[in-house]
PDB file of N, CA and C in Angstrom:
ATOM      1  N   MET A   1     -23.583  45.112  44.087  1.00  0.00           N
ATOM      2  CA  MET A   1     -24.451  44.763  42.985  1.00  0.00           C
ATOM      3  C   MET A   1     -24.075  45.617  41.776  1.00  0.00           C
ATOM      4  N   PRO A   2     -22.969  45.317  41.149  1.00  0.00           N
ATOM      5  CA  PRO A   2     -22.548  46.115  39.996  1.00  0.00           C
ATOM      6  C   PRO A   2     -23.480  45.955  38.799  1.00  0.00           C
ATOM      7  N   HIS A   3     -23.786  47.077  38.187  1.00  0.00           N
ATOM      8  CA  HIS A   3     -24.517  47.090  36.920  1.00  0.00           C
ATOM      9  C   HIS A   3     -23.662  47.860  35.931  1.00  0.00           C
ATOM     10  N   VAL A   4     -23.337  47.242  34.824  1.00  0.00           N
ATOM     11  CA  VAL A   4     -22.484  47.846  33.810  1.00  0.00           C
ATOM     12  C   VAL A   4     -23.323  48.164  32.583  1.00  0.00           C
ATOM     13  N   ILE A   5     -23.207  49.385  32.090  1.00  0.00           N
ATOM     14  CA  ILE A   5     -23.898  49.794  30.873  1.00  0.00           C
ATOM     15  C   ILE A   5     -22.850  50.017  29.797  1.00  0.00           C
ATOM     16  N   VAL A   6     -22.989  49.292  28.703  1.00  0.00           N
ATOM     17  CA  VAL A   6     -22.076  49.438  27.575  1.00  0.00           C
ATOM     18  C   VAL A   6     -22.840  50.124  26.445  1.00  0.00           C
ATOM     19  N   LYS A   7     -22.337  51.277  26.041  1.00  0.00           N
ATOM     20  CA  LYS A   7     -22.913  51.985  24.895  1.00  0.00           C
ATOM     21  C   LYS A   7     -21.889  51.893  23.785  1.00  0.00           C
ATOM     22  N   MET A   8     -22.320  51.386  22.636  1.00  0.00           N
ATOM     23  CA  MET A   8     -21.385  51.242  21.524  1.00  0.00           C
ATOM     24  C   MET A   8     -22.108  51.414  20.206  1.00  0.00           C
ATOM     25  N   LEU A   9     -21.306  51.688  19.182  1.00  0.00           N
ATOM     26  CA  LEU A   9     -21.894  51.863  17.861  1.00  0.00           C
ATOM     27  C   LEU A   9     -22.607  50.592  17.431  1.00  0.00           C
ATOM     28  N   SER A  10     -23.718  50.748  16.777  1.00  0.00           N
ATOM     29  CA  SER A  10     -24.491  49.622  16.265  1.00  0.00           C
ATOM     30  C   SER A  10     -23.660  48.818  15.284  1.00  0.00           C
ATOM     31  N   GLY A  11     -23.993  47.553  15.164  1.00  0.00           N
ATOM     32  CA  GLY A  11     -23.344  46.733  14.154  1.00  0.00           C
ATOM     33  C   GLY A  11     -22.733  45.445  14.673  1.00  0.00           C
ATOM     34  N   ARG A  12     -22.635  45.283  15.985  1.00  0.00           N
ATOM     35  CA  ARG A  12     -22.094  44.040  16.518  1.00  0.00           C
ATOM     36  C   ARG A  12     -23.160  42.967  16.510  1.00  0.00           C
ATOM     37  N   SER A  13     -22.736  41.734  16.320  1.00  0.00           N
ATOM     38  CA  SER A  13     -23.663  40.609  16.299  1.00  0.00           C
ATOM     39  C   SER A  13     -24.065  40.232  17.723  1.00  0.00           C
ATOM     40  N   ASP A  14     -25.136  39.454  17.841  1.00  0.00           N
ATOM     41  CA  ASP A  14     -25.547  38.965  19.160  1.00  0.00           C
ATOM     42  C   ASP A  14     -24.445  38.102  19.760  1.00  0.00           C
ATOM     43  N   LYS A  15     -23.747  37.358  18.933  1.00  0.00           N
ATOM     44  CA  LYS A  15     -22.646  36.524  19.420  1.00  0.00           C
ATOM     45  C   LYS A  15     -21.562  37.406  20.047  1.00  0.00           C
ATOM     46  N   GLN A  16     -21.194  38.483  19.383  1.00  0.00           N
ATOM     47  CA  GLN A  16     -20.188  39.389  19.918  1.00  0.00           C
ATOM     48  C   GLN A  16     -20.664  40.032  21.218  1.00  0.00           C
ATOM     49  N   LYS A  17     -21.917  40.423  21.254  1.00  0.00           N
ATOM     50  CA  LYS A  17     -22.463  41.043  22.461  1.00  0.00           C
ATOM     51  C   LYS A  17     -22.460  40.060  23.628  1.00  0.00           C
ATOM     52  N   ASN A  18     -22.854  38.825  23.362  1.00  0.00           N
ATOM     53  CA  ASN A  18     -22.862  37.810  24.420  1.00  0.00           C
ATOM     54  C   ASN A  18     -21.453  37.525  24.928  1.00  0.00           C
ATOM     55  N   GLN A  19     -20.485  37.479  24.022  1.00  0.00           N
ATOM     56  CA  GLN A  19     -19.095  37.271  24.436  1.00  0.00           C
ATOM     57  C   GLN A  19     -18.609  38.433  25.294  1.00  0.00           C
ATOM     58  N   LEU A  20     -18.934  39.641  24.897  1.00  0.00           N
ATOM     59  CA  LEU A  20     -18.540  40.821  25.658  1.00  0.00           C
ATOM     60  C   LEU A  20     -19.147  40.779  27.056  1.00  0.00           C
ATOM     61  N   VAL A  21     -20.427  40.460  27.138  1.00  0.00           N
ATOM     62  CA  VAL A  21     -21.111  40.392  28.434  1.00  0.00           C
ATOM     63  C   VAL A  21     -20.482  39.314  29.316  1.00  0.00           C
ATOM     64  N   GLU A  22     -20.153  38.165  28.751  1.00  0.00           N
ATOM     65  CA  GLU A  22     -19.521  37.095  29.526  1.00  0.00           C
ATOM     66  C   GLU A  22     -18.187  37.551  30.103  1.00  0.00           C
ATOM     67  N   GLU A  23     -17.378  38.216  29.290  1.00  0.00           N
ATOM     68  CA  GLU A  23     -16.062  38.668  29.745  1.00  0.00           C
ATOM     69  C   GLU A  23     -16.174  39.789  30.773  1.00  0.00           C
ATOM     70  N   ILE A  24     -17.076  40.730  30.552  1.00  0.00           N
ATOM     71  CA  ILE A  24     -17.282  41.803  31.525  1.00  0.00           C
ATOM     72  C   ILE A  24     -17.728  41.209  32.851  1.00  0.00           C
ATOM     73  N   THR A  25     -18.655  40.269  32.803  1.00  0.00           N
ATOM     74  CA  THR A  25     -19.164  39.630  34.022  1.00  0.00           C
ATOM     75  C   THR A  25     -18.033  38.951  34.788  1.00  0.00           C
ATOM     76  N   LYS A  26     -17.182  38.213  34.092  1.00  0.00           N
ATOM     77  CA  LYS A  26     -16.061  37.531  34.745  1.00  0.00           C
ATOM     78  C   LYS A  26     -15.129  38.520  35.436  1.00  0.00           C
ATOM     79  N   VAL A  27     -14.794  39.596  34.747  1.00  0.00           N
ATOM     80  CA  VAL A  27     -13.876  40.587  35.304  1.00  0.00           C
ATOM     81  C   VAL A  27     -14.506  41.289  36.515  1.00  0.00           C
ATOM     82  N   VAL A  28     -15.754  41.669  36.401  1.00  0.00           N
ATOM     83  CA  VAL A  28     -16.430  42.334  37.520  1.00  0.00           C
ATOM     84  C   VAL A  28     -16.479  41.403  38.731  1.00  0.00           C
ATOM     85  N   MET A  29     -16.792  40.145  38.512  1.00  0.00           N
ATOM     86  CA  MET A  29     -16.837  39.184  39.614  1.00  0.00           C
ATOM     87  C   MET A  29     -15.462  39.034  40.262  1.00  0.00           C
ATOM     88  N   ARG A  30     -14.437  38.902  39.443  1.00  0.00           N
ATOM     89  CA  ARG A  30     -13.081  38.700  39.962  1.00  0.00           C
ATOM     90  C   ARG A  30     -12.607  39.903  40.781  1.00  0.00           C
ATOM     91  N   ILE A  31     -12.845  41.101  40.271  1.00  0.00           N
ATOM     92  CA  ILE A  31     -12.322  42.296  40.929  1.00  0.00           C
ATOM     93  C   ILE A  31     -13.161  42.730  42.128  1.00  0.00           C
ATOM     94  N   THR A  32     -14.481  42.615  42.038  1.00  0.00           N
ATOM     95  CA  THR A  32     -15.342  43.079  43.132  1.00  0.00           C
ATOM     96  C   THR A  32     -15.638  42.009  44.177  1.00  0.00           C
ATOM     97  N   GLY A  33     -15.437  40.755  43.809  1.00  0.00           N
ATOM     98  CA  GLY A  33     -15.758  39.681  44.730  1.00  0.00           C
ATOM     99  C   GLY A  33     -17.234  39.320  44.748  1.00  0.00           C
ATOM    100  N   ASN A  34     -18.020  39.907  43.872  1.00  0.00           N
ATOM    101  CA  ASN A  34     -19.442  39.581  43.779  1.00  0.00           C
ATOM    102  C   ASN A  34     -19.638  38.282  43.019  1.00  0.00           C
ATOM    103  N   GLY A  35     -20.738  37.589  43.322  1.00  0.00           N
ATOM    104  CA  GLY A  35     -21.116  36.409  42.569  1.00  0.00           C
ATOM    105  C   GLY A  35     -21.819  36.811  41.283  1.00  0.00           C
ATOM    106  N   GLU A  36     -21.957  35.846  40.387  1.00  0.00           N
ATOM    107  CA  GLU A  36     -22.586  36.109  39.095  1.00  0.00           C
ATOM    108  C   GLU A  36     -23.999  36.657  39.234  1.00  0.00           C
ATOM    109  N   GLU A  37     -24.714  36.211  40.258  1.00  0.00           N
ATOM    110  CA  GLU A  37     -26.101  36.656  40.441  1.00  0.00           C
ATOM    111  C   GLU A  37     -26.197  38.144  40.779  1.00  0.00           C
ATOM    112  N   ALA A  38     -25.103  38.746  41.222  1.00  0.00           N
ATOM    113  CA  ALA A  38     -25.119  40.158  41.597  1.00  0.00           C
ATOM    114  C   ALA A  38     -24.782  41.091  40.443  1.00  0.00           C
ATOM    115  N   VAL A  39     -24.258  40.537  39.358  1.00  0.00           N
ATOM    116  CA  VAL A  39     -23.782  41.350  38.238  1.00  0.00           C
ATOM    117  C   VAL A  39     -24.830  41.408  37.135  1.00  0.00           C
ATOM    118  N   SER A  40     -25.068  42.614  36.629  1.00  0.00           N
ATOM    119  CA  SER A  40     -25.933  42.761  35.458  1.00  0.00           C
ATOM    120  C   SER A  40     -25.223  43.658  34.451  1.00  0.00           C
ATOM    121  N   VAL A  41     -25.480  43.380  33.167  1.00  0.00           N
ATOM    122  CA  VAL A  41     -24.835  44.120  32.083  1.00  0.00           C
ATOM    123  C   VAL A  41     -25.877  44.414  31.017  1.00  0.00           C
ATOM    124  N   SER A  42     -25.922  45.659  30.573  1.00  0.00           N
ATOM    125  CA  SER A  42     -26.797  45.999  29.457  1.00  0.00           C
ATOM    126  C   SER A  42     -25.953  46.580  28.331  1.00  0.00           C
ATOM    127  N   ILE A  43     -26.449  46.413  27.118  1.00  0.00           N
ATOM    128  CA  ILE A  43     -25.779  46.967  25.949  1.00  0.00           C
ATOM    129  C   ILE A  43     -26.774  47.855  25.216  1.00  0.00           C
ATOM    130  N   GLU A  44     -26.336  49.074  24.926  1.00  0.00           N
ATOM    131  CA  GLU A  44     -27.150  50.010  24.160  1.00  0.00           C
ATOM    132  C   GLU A  44     -26.458  50.278  22.832  1.00  0.00           C
ATOM    133  N   ASP A  45     -27.122  49.924  21.746  1.00  0.00           N
ATOM    134  CA  ASP A  45     -26.601  50.208  20.413  1.00  0.00           C
ATOM    135  C   ASP A  45     -26.947  51.641  20.042  1.00  0.00           C
ATOM    136  N   ILE A  46     -25.935  52.368  19.594  1.00  0.00           N
ATOM    137  CA  ILE A  46     -26.118  53.772  19.236  1.00  0.00           C
ATOM    138  C   ILE A  46     -25.683  53.963  17.784  1.00  0.00           C
ATOM    139  N   ALA A  47     -26.530  54.592  16.997  1.00  0.00           N
ATOM    140  CA  ALA A  47     -26.182  54.882  15.605  1.00  0.00           C
ATOM    141  C   ALA A  47     -25.022  55.879  15.581  1.00  0.00           C
ATOM    142  N   GLN A  48     -24.129  55.719  14.615  1.00  0.00           N
ATOM    143  CA  GLN A  48     -22.945  56.575  14.542  1.00  0.00           C
ATOM    144  C   GLN A  48     -23.305  58.061  14.493  1.00  0.00           C
ATOM    145  N   ASP A  49     -24.351  58.396  13.743  1.00  0.00           N
ATOM    146  CA  ASP A  49     -24.716  59.812  13.623  1.00  0.00           C
ATOM    147  C   ASP A  49     -25.378  60.367  14.890  1.00  0.00           C
ATOM    148  N   GLU A  50     -25.661  59.516  15.859  1.00  0.00           N
ATOM    149  CA  GLU A  50     -26.253  59.949  17.121  1.00  0.00           C
ATOM    150  C   GLU A  50     -25.258  59.910  18.283  1.00  0.00           C
ATOM    151  N   TRP A  51     -24.051  59.388  18.044  1.00  0.00           N
ATOM    152  CA  TRP A  51     -23.075  59.168  19.116  1.00  0.00           C
ATOM    153  C   TRP A  51     -22.755  60.437  19.901  1.00  0.00           C
ATOM    154  N   THR A  52     -22.448  61.508  19.199  1.00  0.00           N
ATOM    155  CA  THR A  52     -22.038  62.737  19.881  1.00  0.00           C
ATOM    156  C   THR A  52     -23.136  63.266  20.793  1.00  0.00           C
ATOM    157  N   ASP A  53     -24.363  63.312  20.303  1.00  0.00           N
ATOM    158  CA  ASP A  53     -25.459  63.866  21.096  1.00  0.00           C
ATOM    159  C   ASP A  53     -25.969  62.918  22.176  1.00  0.00           C
ATOM    160  N   LYS A  54     -25.974  61.620  21.903  1.00  0.00           N
ATOM    161  CA  LYS A  54     -26.547  60.661  22.855  1.00  0.00           C
ATOM    162  C   LYS A  54     -25.541  60.099  23.856  1.00  0.00           C
ATOM    163  N   VAL A  55     -24.258  60.132  23.494  1.00  0.00           N
ATOM    164  CA  VAL A  55     -23.256  59.541  24.390  1.00  0.00           C
ATOM    165  C   VAL A  55     -22.146  60.527  24.757  1.00  0.00           C
ATOM    166  N   TYR A  56     -21.471  61.074  23.753  1.00  0.00           N
ATOM    167  CA  TYR A  56     -20.291  61.888  24.055  1.00  0.00           C
ATOM    168  C   TYR A  56     -20.619  63.104  24.924  1.00  0.00           C
ATOM    169  N   LYS A  57     -21.589  63.877  24.516  1.00  0.00           N
ATOM    170  CA  LYS A  57     -21.916  65.088  25.286  1.00  0.00           C
ATOM    171  C   LYS A  57     -22.437  64.769  26.691  1.00  0.00           C
ATOM    172  N   PRO A  58     -23.482  63.904  26.832  1.00  0.00           N
ATOM    173  CA  PRO A  58     -24.040  63.703  28.170  1.00  0.00           C
ATOM    174  C   PRO A  58     -23.237  62.776  29.078  1.00  0.00           C
ATOM    175  N   ASP A  59     -22.566  61.771  28.509  1.00  0.00           N
ATOM    176  CA  ASP A  59     -21.913  60.757  29.342  1.00  0.00           C
ATOM    177  C   ASP A  59     -20.403  60.930  29.454  1.00  0.00           C
ATOM    178  N   ILE A  60     -19.788  61.512  28.453  1.00  0.00           N
ATOM    179  CA  ILE A  60     -18.331  61.646  28.457  1.00  0.00           C
ATOM    180  C   ILE A  60     -17.934  63.075  28.801  1.00  0.00           C
ATOM    181  N   ALA A  61     -18.273  64.016  27.937  1.00  0.00           N
ATOM    182  CA  ALA A  61     -17.848  65.402  28.151  1.00  0.00           C
ATOM    183  C   ALA A  61     -18.399  65.986  29.457  1.00  0.00           C
ATOM    184  N   ALA A  62     -19.645  65.690  29.766  1.00  0.00           N
ATOM    185  CA  ALA A  62     -20.267  66.251  30.971  1.00  0.00           C
ATOM    186  C   ALA A  62     -19.722  65.650  32.264  1.00  0.00           C
ATOM    187  N   HIS A  63     -19.020  64.530  32.168  1.00  0.00           N
ATOM    188  CA  HIS A  63     -18.496  63.852  33.357  1.00  0.00           C
ATOM    189  C   HIS A  63     -17.007  63.562  33.218  1.00  0.00           C
ATOM    190  N   TRP A  64     -16.316  64.430  32.494  1.00  0.00           N
ATOM    191  CA  TRP A  64     -14.906  64.218  32.162  1.00  0.00           C
ATOM    192  C   TRP A  64     -14.048  63.898  33.392  1.00  0.00           C
ATOM    193  N   ASP A  65     -14.238  64.618  34.471  1.00  0.00           N
ATOM    194  CA  ASP A  65     -13.420  64.422  35.669  1.00  0.00           C
ATOM    195  C   ASP A  65     -13.701  63.104  36.381  1.00  0.00           C
ATOM    196  N   ASN A  66     -14.814  62.470  36.087  1.00  0.00           N
ATOM    197  CA  ASN A  66     -15.164  61.191  36.710  1.00  0.00           C
ATOM    198  C   ASN A  66     -14.740  59.985  35.879  1.00  0.00           C
ATOM    199  N   LEU A  67     -14.253  60.201  34.672  1.00  0.00           N
ATOM    200  CA  LEU A  67     -13.879  59.090  33.807  1.00  0.00           C
ATOM    201  C   LEU A  67     -12.572  58.461  34.280  1.00  0.00           C
ATOM    202  N   TYR A  68     -12.571  57.168  34.490  1.00  0.00           N
ATOM    203  CA  TYR A  68     -11.347  56.452  34.832  1.00  0.00           C
ATOM    204  C   TYR A  68     -10.566  56.109  33.569  1.00  0.00           C
ATOM    205  N   LYS A  69     -11.254  56.000  32.460  1.00  0.00           N
ATOM    206  CA  LYS A  69     -10.632  55.779  31.148  1.00  0.00           C
ATOM    207  C   LYS A  69     -11.235  56.798  30.201  1.00  0.00           C
ATOM    208  N   LYS A  70     -10.414  57.736  29.775  1.00  0.00           N
ATOM    209  CA  LYS A  70     -10.881  58.787  28.855  1.00  0.00           C
ATOM    210  C   LYS A  70     -10.672  58.341  27.418  1.00  0.00           C
ATOM    211  N   PRO A  71     -11.550  58.757  26.509  1.00  0.00           N
ATOM    212  CA  PRO A  71     -11.388  58.372  25.096  1.00  0.00           C
ATOM    213  C   PRO A  71     -10.214  59.106  24.464  1.00  0.00           C
ATOM    214  N   GLY A  72      -9.693  58.511  23.411  1.00  0.00           N
ATOM    215  CA  GLY A  72      -8.584  59.116  22.687  1.00  0.00           C
ATOM    216  C   GLY A  72      -9.028  59.807  21.418  1.00  0.00           C
ATOM    217  N   TYR A  73     -10.280  60.193  21.361  1.00  0.00           N
ATOM    218  CA  TYR A  73     -10.809  60.882  20.181  1.00  0.00           C
ATOM    219  C   TYR A  73     -11.579  62.114  20.611  1.00  0.00           C
ATOM    220  N   ASP A  74     -11.743  63.031  19.686  1.00  0.00           N
ATOM    221  CA  ASP A  74     -12.528  64.244  19.922  1.00  0.00           C
ATOM    222  C   ASP A  74     -13.487  64.389  18.746  1.00  0.00           C
ATOM    223  N   PRO A  75     -14.787  64.210  18.981  1.00  0.00           N
ATOM    224  CA  PRO A  75     -15.734  64.275  17.879  1.00  0.00           C
ATOM    225  C   PRO A  75     -15.879  65.675  17.278  1.00  0.00           C
ATOM    226  N   PHE A  76     -15.289  66.658  17.936  1.00  0.00           N
ATOM    227  CA  PHE A  76     -15.402  68.042  17.442  1.00  0.00           C
ATOM    228  C   PHE A  76     -14.172  68.491  16.681  1.00  0.00           C
ATOM    229  N   ALA A  77     -13.158  67.631  16.606  1.00  0.00           N
ATOM    230  CA  ALA A  77     -11.906  67.994  15.919  1.00  0.00           C
ATOM    231  C   ALA A  77     -12.033  67.808  14.408  1.00  0.00           C
TER     232      ALA A  77
END
């Protein structure tokens, strides 16, 4: 029962969000073998000035060794 949480900067349209969710759902189903009913996806819009405190520090930096895809930016540089 995969649940995917997407945190991204605010500003995407509902159309873009729906397209992203559709594509994520397809990929998760294909790779995990789960049916569509088992997959859930949420999107959290984060203001740019809140990114470091709300996402980078708690979700990225604090779990660096668990990241399968690391970011190519450093908000402190």
